[in-house]
């Protein structure tokens, strides 16, 4: 069986998060979406993390409207987001029913793939989001956060990957937190 590696373009989320403190406005993104859509990427990571907060706090934009507008322009390429597991897009843990409802609404508003991670690689913090994503018909991509330490060995990463597979994740990836 031939396995393909997909390339995810992160310019709509990570590039401006790293370069200009997540201050790119939706109207500045929209003109390039159709060109990005034509390239043939596995997905466009366009939402998640600081993008949600910045829309509200700094740009006076509705992050849900941003998602819908990007989805309207990206007709061929699945949209992807980054989700902090039980923290969603925030900075504290949320109850399971809040996580489930947020995932439901993200998928209903146009999200296709949800890359779910916990910075401590604690599977308990991503299980609810993975199950909600699958239940809503989304693609749950579970991420293992890569780092180096006496605890983080190849055996530990393999154990983490197996637990994500056991949870039912559709795919997995290695996330470099640097």
N, C-alpha and C. Protein backbone atom coordinates (compact mmCIF):
# COMPACT_ATOMS: atom_id res chain seq x y z
N UNK A 1 0.83 -1.17 0.00
CA UNK A 1 0.00 0.00 0.00
C UNK A 1 0.89 1.25 0.00
N UNK A 2 0.64 2.12 -0.93
CA UNK A 2 1.41 3.36 -1.02
C UNK A 2 0.79 4.41 -0.12
N UNK A 3 1.62 5.01 0.72
CA UNK A 3 1.14 6.06 1.61
C UNK A 3 1.65 7.40 1.10
N UNK A 4 0.78 8.39 1.11
CA UNK A 4 1.15 9.72 0.67
C UNK A 4 1.35 10.63 1.87
N UNK A 5 2.28 11.51 1.75
CA UNK A 5 2.47 12.55 2.75
C UNK A 5 1.81 13.81 2.22
N UNK A 6 0.95 14.40 3.00
CA UNK A 6 0.25 15.61 2.59
C UNK A 6 0.95 16.85 3.13
N UNK A 7 0.95 17.89 2.34
CA UNK A 7 1.53 19.17 2.76
C UNK A 7 0.40 20.10 3.18
N UNK A 8 0.51 20.61 4.39
CA UNK A 8 -0.44 21.59 4.90
C UNK A 8 0.20 22.96 4.84
N UNK A 9 -0.46 23.89 4.19
CA UNK A 9 0.01 25.28 4.12
C UNK A 9 -0.51 26.00 5.35
N UNK A 10 0.39 26.60 6.12
CA UNK A 10 0.00 27.26 7.38
C UNK A 10 0.07 28.78 7.32
N UNK A 11 0.22 29.33 6.14
CA UNK A 11 0.40 30.78 6.02
C UNK A 11 -0.78 31.58 6.56
N UNK A 12 -1.98 31.03 6.48
CA UNK A 12 -3.16 31.77 6.93
C UNK A 12 -3.33 31.76 8.45
N UNK A 13 -2.56 30.92 9.14
CA UNK A 13 -2.60 30.92 10.60
C UNK A 13 -1.23 31.23 11.19
N UNK A 14 -0.27 30.38 10.93
CA UNK A 14 1.01 30.47 11.63
C UNK A 14 1.91 31.59 11.13
N UNK A 15 1.91 31.86 9.84
CA UNK A 15 2.84 32.88 9.32
C UNK A 15 2.61 34.23 9.97
N UNK A 16 1.39 34.71 9.96
CA UNK A 16 1.17 36.02 10.55
C UNK A 16 1.12 35.96 12.08
N UNK A 17 0.89 34.77 12.63
CA UNK A 17 0.98 34.62 14.09
C UNK A 17 2.43 34.82 14.52
N UNK A 18 3.36 34.29 13.74
CA UNK A 18 4.77 34.40 14.08
C UNK A 18 5.38 35.74 13.69
N UNK A 19 4.92 36.32 12.59
CA UNK A 19 5.57 37.52 12.06
C UNK A 19 4.94 38.84 12.50
N UNK A 20 3.62 38.88 12.60
CA UNK A 20 2.96 40.16 12.92
C UNK A 20 1.89 40.00 14.00
N UNK A 21 2.16 39.14 14.96
CA UNK A 21 1.31 38.97 16.14
C UNK A 21 -0.16 38.68 15.79
N UNK A 22 -0.37 37.93 14.72
CA UNK A 22 -1.70 37.48 14.31
C UNK A 22 -2.64 38.64 14.00
N UNK A 23 -2.12 39.62 13.28
CA UNK A 23 -2.93 40.80 13.00
C UNK A 23 -3.38 40.90 11.54
N UNK A 24 -3.26 39.83 10.77
CA UNK A 24 -3.73 39.88 9.39
C UNK A 24 -5.26 39.87 9.37
N UNK A 25 -5.82 40.84 8.69
CA UNK A 25 -7.27 40.95 8.60
C UNK A 25 -7.82 39.98 7.56
N UNK A 26 -9.06 39.61 7.73
CA UNK A 26 -9.71 38.70 6.79
C UNK A 26 -9.67 39.28 5.38
N UNK A 27 -9.95 40.55 5.23
CA UNK A 27 -9.97 41.16 3.90
C UNK A 27 -8.60 41.10 3.21
N UNK A 28 -7.52 40.99 3.99
CA UNK A 28 -6.19 40.85 3.41
C UNK A 28 -5.90 39.41 2.99
N UNK A 29 -6.60 38.47 3.56
CA UNK A 29 -6.42 37.05 3.22
C UNK A 29 -7.20 36.64 1.98
N UNK A 30 -8.40 37.16 1.87
CA UNK A 30 -9.33 36.65 0.85
C UNK A 30 -8.80 36.70 -0.58
N UNK A 31 -8.06 37.73 -1.00
CA UNK A 31 -7.61 37.76 -2.40
C UNK A 31 -6.69 36.61 -2.80
N UNK A 32 -5.99 35.98 -1.86
CA UNK A 32 -5.04 34.92 -2.21
C UNK A 32 -5.62 33.52 -2.04
N UNK A 33 -6.77 33.39 -1.41
CA UNK A 33 -7.32 32.07 -1.08
C UNK A 33 -7.52 31.20 -2.32
N UNK A 34 -8.08 31.74 -3.38
CA UNK A 34 -8.34 30.92 -4.57
C UNK A 34 -7.03 30.43 -5.20
N UNK A 35 -5.99 31.24 -5.16
CA UNK A 35 -4.68 30.79 -5.69
C UNK A 35 -4.12 29.67 -4.81
N UNK A 36 -4.21 29.82 -3.50
CA UNK A 36 -3.77 28.75 -2.60
C UNK A 36 -4.58 27.48 -2.83
N UNK A 37 -5.85 27.64 -3.09
CA UNK A 37 -6.75 26.51 -3.33
C UNK A 37 -6.35 25.73 -4.58
N UNK A 38 -5.79 26.41 -5.56
CA UNK A 38 -5.41 25.76 -6.82
C UNK A 38 -4.09 25.00 -6.74
N UNK A 39 -3.30 25.20 -5.71
CA UNK A 39 -1.96 24.60 -5.63
C UNK A 39 -2.01 23.09 -5.45
N UNK A 40 -2.98 22.60 -4.70
CA UNK A 40 -3.07 21.16 -4.48
C UNK A 40 -2.58 20.72 -3.11
N UNK A 41 -2.61 21.61 -2.16
CA UNK A 41 -2.22 21.25 -0.80
C UNK A 41 -3.17 20.20 -0.23
N UNK A 42 -2.67 19.46 0.73
CA UNK A 42 -3.51 18.53 1.49
C UNK A 42 -4.57 19.32 2.26
N UNK A 43 -4.15 20.46 2.82
CA UNK A 43 -5.07 21.32 3.57
C UNK A 43 -4.48 22.71 3.73
N UNK A 44 -5.36 23.64 4.07
CA UNK A 44 -4.97 25.01 4.41
C UNK A 44 -5.29 25.22 5.88
N UNK A 45 -4.25 25.42 6.69
CA UNK A 45 -4.48 25.69 8.10
C UNK A 45 -4.76 27.18 8.25
N UNK A 46 -6.00 27.49 8.55
CA UNK A 46 -6.45 28.89 8.50
C UNK A 46 -7.02 29.41 9.80
N UNK A 47 -7.08 28.59 10.80
CA UNK A 47 -7.84 28.98 11.99
C UNK A 47 -7.27 28.28 13.19
N UNK A 48 -7.47 28.85 14.35
CA UNK A 48 -7.07 28.21 15.58
C UNK A 48 -6.07 29.03 16.36
N UNK A 49 -5.87 28.61 17.59
CA UNK A 49 -4.91 29.30 18.43
C UNK A 49 -5.21 30.77 18.55
N UNK A 50 -4.21 31.56 18.30
CA UNK A 50 -4.32 33.01 18.50
C UNK A 50 -5.20 33.70 17.45
N UNK A 51 -5.50 33.05 16.33
CA UNK A 51 -6.30 33.73 15.30
C UNK A 51 -7.69 34.08 15.82
N UNK A 52 -8.27 33.20 16.59
CA UNK A 52 -9.61 33.42 17.13
C UNK A 52 -9.59 34.62 18.09
N UNK A 53 -8.67 34.59 19.02
CA UNK A 53 -8.52 35.66 20.01
C UNK A 53 -8.21 37.00 19.35
N UNK A 54 -7.30 37.01 18.39
CA UNK A 54 -6.92 38.26 17.73
C UNK A 54 -8.07 38.88 16.94
N UNK A 55 -8.87 38.04 16.29
CA UNK A 55 -10.03 38.57 15.57
C UNK A 55 -10.89 39.42 16.50
N UNK A 56 -11.15 38.90 17.66
CA UNK A 56 -12.04 39.58 18.61
C UNK A 56 -11.33 40.73 19.32
N UNK A 57 -10.15 40.46 19.85
CA UNK A 57 -9.47 41.41 20.72
C UNK A 57 -8.83 42.58 19.99
N UNK A 58 -8.26 42.33 18.81
CA UNK A 58 -7.48 43.37 18.14
C UNK A 58 -8.06 43.84 16.81
N UNK A 59 -8.74 42.96 16.09
CA UNK A 59 -9.17 43.29 14.73
C UNK A 59 -10.64 43.66 14.62
N UNK A 60 -11.39 43.49 15.68
CA UNK A 60 -12.83 43.76 15.66
C UNK A 60 -13.52 42.97 14.54
N UNK A 61 -13.13 41.70 14.43
CA UNK A 61 -13.71 40.80 13.42
C UNK A 61 -14.37 39.61 14.12
N UNK A 62 -15.30 39.01 13.42
CA UNK A 62 -15.97 37.80 13.89
C UNK A 62 -15.17 36.60 13.36
N UNK A 63 -14.54 35.81 14.23
CA UNK A 63 -13.75 34.68 13.75
C UNK A 63 -14.57 33.62 13.02
N UNK A 64 -15.85 33.49 13.37
CA UNK A 64 -16.72 32.54 12.69
C UNK A 64 -17.01 33.02 11.27
N UNK A 65 -17.20 34.31 11.10
CA UNK A 65 -17.40 34.88 9.76
C UNK A 65 -16.15 34.70 8.92
N UNK A 66 -14.97 34.88 9.54
CA UNK A 66 -13.71 34.65 8.83
C UNK A 66 -13.66 33.23 8.28
N UNK A 67 -13.99 32.27 9.13
CA UNK A 67 -13.98 30.87 8.71
C UNK A 67 -14.91 30.65 7.53
N UNK A 68 -16.11 31.18 7.59
CA UNK A 68 -17.07 30.99 6.50
C UNK A 68 -16.59 31.65 5.21
N UNK A 69 -16.00 32.82 5.29
CA UNK A 69 -15.50 33.52 4.10
C UNK A 69 -14.33 32.77 3.46
N UNK A 70 -13.44 32.25 4.28
CA UNK A 70 -12.32 31.46 3.74
C UNK A 70 -12.85 30.20 3.08
N UNK A 71 -13.81 29.53 3.73
CA UNK A 71 -14.39 28.30 3.17
C UNK A 71 -15.06 28.58 1.83
N UNK A 72 -15.71 29.73 1.69
CA UNK A 72 -16.34 30.10 0.42
C UNK A 72 -15.33 30.19 -0.71
N UNK A 73 -14.11 30.62 -0.41
CA UNK A 73 -13.07 30.80 -1.43
C UNK A 73 -12.28 29.51 -1.68
N UNK A 74 -12.13 28.68 -0.67
CA UNK A 74 -11.36 27.44 -0.79
C UNK A 74 -12.33 26.30 -1.09
N UNK A 75 -12.58 26.09 -2.36
CA UNK A 75 -13.59 25.11 -2.77
C UNK A 75 -13.04 23.68 -2.87
N UNK A 76 -11.71 23.55 -3.11
CA UNK A 76 -11.13 22.24 -3.35
C UNK A 76 -10.27 21.73 -2.19
N UNK A 77 -9.70 22.63 -1.43
CA UNK A 77 -8.75 22.25 -0.40
C UNK A 77 -9.42 22.24 0.97
N UNK A 78 -9.29 21.15 1.71
CA UNK A 78 -9.87 21.12 3.05
C UNK A 78 -9.25 22.20 3.95
N UNK A 79 -10.08 22.79 4.79
CA UNK A 79 -9.59 23.74 5.78
C UNK A 79 -9.22 22.99 7.05
N UNK A 80 -8.17 23.47 7.67
CA UNK A 80 -7.66 22.83 8.88
C UNK A 80 -7.49 23.88 9.96
N UNK A 81 -7.65 23.43 11.18
CA UNK A 81 -7.41 24.32 12.32
C UNK A 81 -6.54 23.62 13.35
N UNK A 82 -5.99 24.41 14.24
CA UNK A 82 -5.20 23.92 15.36
C UNK A 82 -6.03 24.12 16.62
N UNK A 83 -6.21 23.05 17.38
CA UNK A 83 -7.04 23.09 18.58
C UNK A 83 -6.21 22.61 19.77
N UNK A 84 -6.22 23.37 20.83
CA UNK A 84 -5.43 23.06 22.02
C UNK A 84 -6.14 22.06 22.94
N UNK A 85 -6.71 21.04 22.37
CA UNK A 85 -7.38 20.01 23.17
C UNK A 85 -8.44 20.59 24.08
N UNK A 86 -8.37 20.23 25.34
CA UNK A 86 -9.37 20.66 26.31
C UNK A 86 -9.35 22.18 26.53
N UNK A 87 -8.30 22.85 26.09
CA UNK A 87 -8.21 24.32 26.19
C UNK A 87 -8.86 25.01 24.99
N UNK A 88 -9.28 24.24 23.99
CA UNK A 88 -9.87 24.78 22.77
C UNK A 88 -8.94 25.82 22.15
N UNK A 89 -9.37 27.06 22.09
CA UNK A 89 -8.54 28.15 21.56
C UNK A 89 -8.19 29.12 22.67
N UNK A 90 -8.48 28.72 23.90
CA UNK A 90 -8.27 29.61 25.04
C UNK A 90 -7.04 29.24 25.84
N UNK A 91 -7.06 29.69 27.06
CA UNK A 91 -5.88 29.59 27.91
C UNK A 91 -6.19 28.89 29.23
N UNK A 92 -7.28 28.12 29.27
CA UNK A 92 -7.64 27.32 30.44
C UNK A 92 -8.44 26.11 29.95
N UNK A 93 -8.63 25.14 30.81
CA UNK A 93 -9.43 23.97 30.46
C UNK A 93 -10.91 24.31 30.45
N UNK A 94 -11.62 23.70 29.50
CA UNK A 94 -13.07 23.85 29.41
C UNK A 94 -13.73 22.50 29.65
N UNK A 95 -14.97 22.53 30.09
CA UNK A 95 -15.74 21.30 30.34
C UNK A 95 -15.97 20.55 29.03
N UNK A 96 -16.17 19.25 29.14
CA UNK A 96 -16.37 18.41 27.96
C UNK A 96 -17.50 18.90 27.07
N UNK A 97 -18.63 19.33 27.65
CA UNK A 97 -19.76 19.76 26.82
C UNK A 97 -19.41 21.02 26.03
N UNK A 98 -18.58 21.89 26.56
CA UNK A 98 -18.14 23.08 25.84
C UNK A 98 -17.23 22.68 24.68
N UNK A 99 -16.30 21.75 24.93
CA UNK A 99 -15.41 21.26 23.88
C UNK A 99 -16.23 20.63 22.76
N UNK A 100 -17.18 19.79 23.11
CA UNK A 100 -18.02 19.12 22.11
C UNK A 100 -18.81 20.13 21.28
N UNK A 101 -19.37 21.12 21.92
CA UNK A 101 -20.17 22.12 21.20
C UNK A 101 -19.30 22.99 20.30
N UNK A 102 -18.13 23.37 20.77
CA UNK A 102 -17.22 24.16 19.95
C UNK A 102 -16.82 23.39 18.69
N UNK A 103 -16.43 22.13 18.86
CA UNK A 103 -16.04 21.30 17.71
C UNK A 103 -17.21 21.16 16.75
N UNK A 104 -18.40 20.93 17.27
CA UNK A 104 -19.60 20.84 16.42
C UNK A 104 -19.76 22.10 15.58
N UNK A 105 -19.64 23.26 16.21
CA UNK A 105 -19.83 24.53 15.49
C UNK A 105 -18.69 24.81 14.51
N UNK A 106 -17.48 24.43 14.86
CA UNK A 106 -16.35 24.63 13.94
C UNK A 106 -16.58 23.84 12.65
N UNK A 107 -17.00 22.60 12.77
CA UNK A 107 -17.26 21.77 11.59
C UNK A 107 -18.47 22.29 10.83
N UNK A 108 -19.51 22.67 11.52
CA UNK A 108 -20.72 23.20 10.86
C UNK A 108 -20.43 24.50 10.09
N UNK A 109 -19.43 25.25 10.52
CA UNK A 109 -19.10 26.51 9.86
C UNK A 109 -18.01 26.38 8.81
N UNK A 110 -17.55 25.15 8.54
CA UNK A 110 -16.64 24.95 7.42
C UNK A 110 -15.32 24.29 7.70
N UNK A 111 -15.03 23.93 8.93
CA UNK A 111 -13.76 23.29 9.23
C UNK A 111 -13.83 21.82 8.84
N UNK A 112 -12.76 21.34 8.20
CA UNK A 112 -12.71 19.95 7.74
C UNK A 112 -11.81 19.08 8.61
N UNK A 113 -10.63 19.59 8.91
CA UNK A 113 -9.62 18.84 9.65
C UNK A 113 -9.30 19.62 10.92
N UNK A 114 -9.34 18.93 12.04
CA UNK A 114 -8.97 19.58 13.29
C UNK A 114 -7.72 18.88 13.83
N UNK A 115 -6.62 19.63 13.85
CA UNK A 115 -5.37 19.12 14.42
C UNK A 115 -5.42 19.41 15.92
N UNK A 116 -5.46 18.36 16.70
CA UNK A 116 -5.70 18.46 18.14
C UNK A 116 -4.43 18.08 18.89
N UNK A 117 -4.03 18.95 19.81
CA UNK A 117 -2.81 18.67 20.56
C UNK A 117 -2.97 19.08 22.02
N UNK A 118 -2.11 18.53 22.83
CA UNK A 118 -1.94 18.98 24.21
C UNK A 118 -0.44 19.19 24.39
N UNK A 119 -0.06 20.34 24.89
CA UNK A 119 1.36 20.69 24.99
C UNK A 119 2.15 19.71 25.86
N UNK A 120 1.46 19.01 26.75
CA UNK A 120 2.13 18.03 27.62
C UNK A 120 1.99 16.60 27.10
N UNK A 121 1.41 16.44 25.91
CA UNK A 121 1.16 15.11 25.33
C UNK A 121 0.34 14.23 26.28
N UNK A 122 -0.58 14.84 27.00
CA UNK A 122 -1.46 14.08 27.88
C UNK A 122 -2.71 13.71 27.09
N UNK A 123 -2.86 12.44 26.74
CA UNK A 123 -3.99 12.04 25.89
C UNK A 123 -5.35 12.35 26.50
N UNK A 124 -5.44 12.45 27.81
CA UNK A 124 -6.72 12.77 28.46
C UNK A 124 -7.21 14.16 28.05
N UNK A 125 -6.29 15.02 27.67
CA UNK A 125 -6.66 16.40 27.31
C UNK A 125 -7.07 16.56 25.85
N UNK A 126 -7.00 15.49 25.06
CA UNK A 126 -7.42 15.60 23.66
C UNK A 126 -8.51 14.60 23.28
N UNK A 127 -8.78 13.67 24.15
CA UNK A 127 -9.74 12.61 23.82
C UNK A 127 -11.14 13.14 23.52
N UNK A 128 -11.64 14.07 24.30
CA UNK A 128 -12.99 14.60 24.07
C UNK A 128 -13.08 15.27 22.71
N UNK A 129 -12.08 16.07 22.36
CA UNK A 129 -12.09 16.77 21.07
C UNK A 129 -11.99 15.79 19.91
N UNK A 130 -11.16 14.76 20.04
CA UNK A 130 -11.04 13.75 18.98
C UNK A 130 -12.39 13.07 18.75
N UNK A 131 -13.01 12.62 19.80
CA UNK A 131 -14.30 11.92 19.67
C UNK A 131 -15.39 12.84 19.11
N UNK A 132 -15.41 14.09 19.55
CA UNK A 132 -16.40 15.04 19.04
C UNK A 132 -16.18 15.31 17.56
N UNK A 133 -14.94 15.45 17.15
CA UNK A 133 -14.63 15.71 15.75
C UNK A 133 -15.10 14.56 14.87
N UNK A 134 -14.79 13.36 15.26
CA UNK A 134 -15.21 12.18 14.49
C UNK A 134 -16.73 12.08 14.45
N UNK A 135 -17.37 12.29 15.58
CA UNK A 135 -18.84 12.22 15.65
C UNK A 135 -19.50 13.23 14.72
N UNK A 136 -18.89 14.40 14.55
CA UNK A 136 -19.44 15.46 13.70
C UNK A 136 -19.05 15.31 12.23
N UNK A 137 -18.29 14.28 11.90
CA UNK A 137 -17.91 14.04 10.51
C UNK A 137 -16.64 14.74 10.08
N UNK A 138 -15.90 15.28 11.03
CA UNK A 138 -14.63 15.92 10.71
C UNK A 138 -13.50 14.92 10.73
N UNK A 139 -12.34 15.37 10.29
CA UNK A 139 -11.13 14.56 10.32
C UNK A 139 -10.34 14.97 11.56
N UNK A 140 -10.20 14.05 12.49
CA UNK A 140 -9.46 14.31 13.73
C UNK A 140 -8.00 13.93 13.54
N UNK A 141 -7.15 14.95 13.49
CA UNK A 141 -5.71 14.71 13.37
C UNK A 141 -5.08 14.97 14.73
N UNK A 142 -4.59 13.92 15.35
CA UNK A 142 -3.99 14.05 16.67
C UNK A 142 -2.50 14.34 16.53
N UNK A 143 -2.03 15.31 17.29
CA UNK A 143 -0.63 15.72 17.20
C UNK A 143 0.14 15.29 18.44
N UNK A 144 1.34 14.84 18.19
CA UNK A 144 2.29 14.58 19.26
C UNK A 144 3.27 15.74 19.24
N UNK A 145 3.42 16.39 20.38
CA UNK A 145 4.33 17.53 20.47
C UNK A 145 5.75 17.02 20.69
N UNK A 146 6.62 17.38 19.77
CA UNK A 146 8.01 16.93 19.83
C UNK A 146 8.83 17.85 20.72
N UNK A 147 9.63 17.24 21.55
CA UNK A 147 10.61 17.98 22.34
C UNK A 147 11.70 17.00 22.75
N UNK A 148 12.75 17.51 23.33
CA UNK A 148 13.82 16.65 23.82
C UNK A 148 13.93 16.82 25.33
N UNK A 149 14.03 15.69 26.01
CA UNK A 149 14.23 15.66 27.46
C UNK A 149 14.54 14.22 27.83
N UNK A 150 14.97 13.98 29.05
CA UNK A 150 15.20 12.59 29.46
C UNK A 150 13.94 11.72 29.36
N UNK A 151 12.78 12.31 29.53
CA UNK A 151 11.51 11.57 29.45
C UNK A 151 11.10 11.29 28.02
N UNK A 152 11.38 12.19 27.10
CA UNK A 152 10.89 12.09 25.72
C UNK A 152 11.84 11.25 24.86
N UNK A 153 11.54 9.97 24.80
CA UNK A 153 12.33 9.02 24.02
C UNK A 153 11.51 8.54 22.83
N UNK A 154 12.16 7.84 21.92
CA UNK A 154 11.42 7.25 20.80
C UNK A 154 10.35 6.29 21.31
N UNK A 155 10.67 5.55 22.35
CA UNK A 155 9.69 4.61 22.92
C UNK A 155 8.48 5.36 23.47
N UNK A 156 8.70 6.50 24.13
CA UNK A 156 7.59 7.28 24.67
C UNK A 156 6.74 7.86 23.55
N UNK A 157 7.39 8.37 22.49
CA UNK A 157 6.63 8.91 21.36
C UNK A 157 5.80 7.81 20.69
N UNK A 158 6.37 6.61 20.57
CA UNK A 158 5.63 5.49 19.99
C UNK A 158 4.44 5.11 20.87
N UNK A 159 4.63 5.12 22.17
CA UNK A 159 3.52 4.85 23.11
C UNK A 159 2.43 5.91 22.97
N UNK A 160 2.84 7.18 22.86
CA UNK A 160 1.86 8.26 22.67
C UNK A 160 1.08 8.08 21.37
N UNK A 161 1.79 7.73 20.30
CA UNK A 161 1.14 7.54 19.00
C UNK A 161 0.12 6.39 19.06
N UNK A 162 0.47 5.33 19.75
CA UNK A 162 -0.45 4.19 19.88
C UNK A 162 -1.71 4.60 20.65
N UNK A 163 -1.56 5.42 21.68
CA UNK A 163 -2.75 5.84 22.44
C UNK A 163 -3.66 6.72 21.58
N UNK A 164 -3.08 7.53 20.70
CA UNK A 164 -3.88 8.36 19.80
C UNK A 164 -4.63 7.49 18.78
N UNK A 165 -3.94 6.48 18.28
CA UNK A 165 -4.59 5.54 17.36
C UNK A 165 -5.75 4.83 18.06
N UNK A 166 -5.52 4.41 19.29
CA UNK A 166 -6.56 3.72 20.06
C UNK A 166 -7.78 4.61 20.31
N UNK A 167 -7.58 5.92 20.37
CA UNK A 167 -8.70 6.86 20.56
C UNK A 167 -9.53 7.02 19.31
N UNK A 168 -9.00 6.57 18.17
CA UNK A 168 -9.74 6.67 16.92
C UNK A 168 -9.34 7.81 16.02
N UNK A 169 -8.24 8.49 16.32
CA UNK A 169 -7.80 9.60 15.47
C UNK A 169 -7.68 9.13 14.02
N UNK A 170 -8.12 9.98 13.08
CA UNK A 170 -8.05 9.64 11.66
C UNK A 170 -6.63 9.67 11.14
N UNK A 171 -5.81 10.55 11.69
CA UNK A 171 -4.40 10.65 11.31
C UNK A 171 -3.64 11.25 12.48
N UNK A 172 -2.34 11.22 12.35
CA UNK A 172 -1.51 11.82 13.40
C UNK A 172 -0.39 12.60 12.75
N UNK A 173 0.20 13.47 13.53
CA UNK A 173 1.34 14.25 13.04
C UNK A 173 2.25 14.55 14.22
N UNK A 174 3.44 14.97 13.88
CA UNK A 174 4.40 15.41 14.89
C UNK A 174 4.44 16.92 14.82
N UNK A 175 4.22 17.56 15.94
CA UNK A 175 4.18 19.03 16.01
C UNK A 175 5.43 19.51 16.74
N UNK A 176 6.22 20.33 16.05
CA UNK A 176 7.39 20.94 16.66
C UNK A 176 6.93 22.25 17.30
N UNK A 177 7.02 22.34 18.59
CA UNK A 177 6.49 23.50 19.32
C UNK A 177 7.42 24.71 19.25
N UNK A 178 8.57 24.57 18.64
CA UNK A 178 9.52 25.69 18.59
C UNK A 178 8.96 26.87 17.83
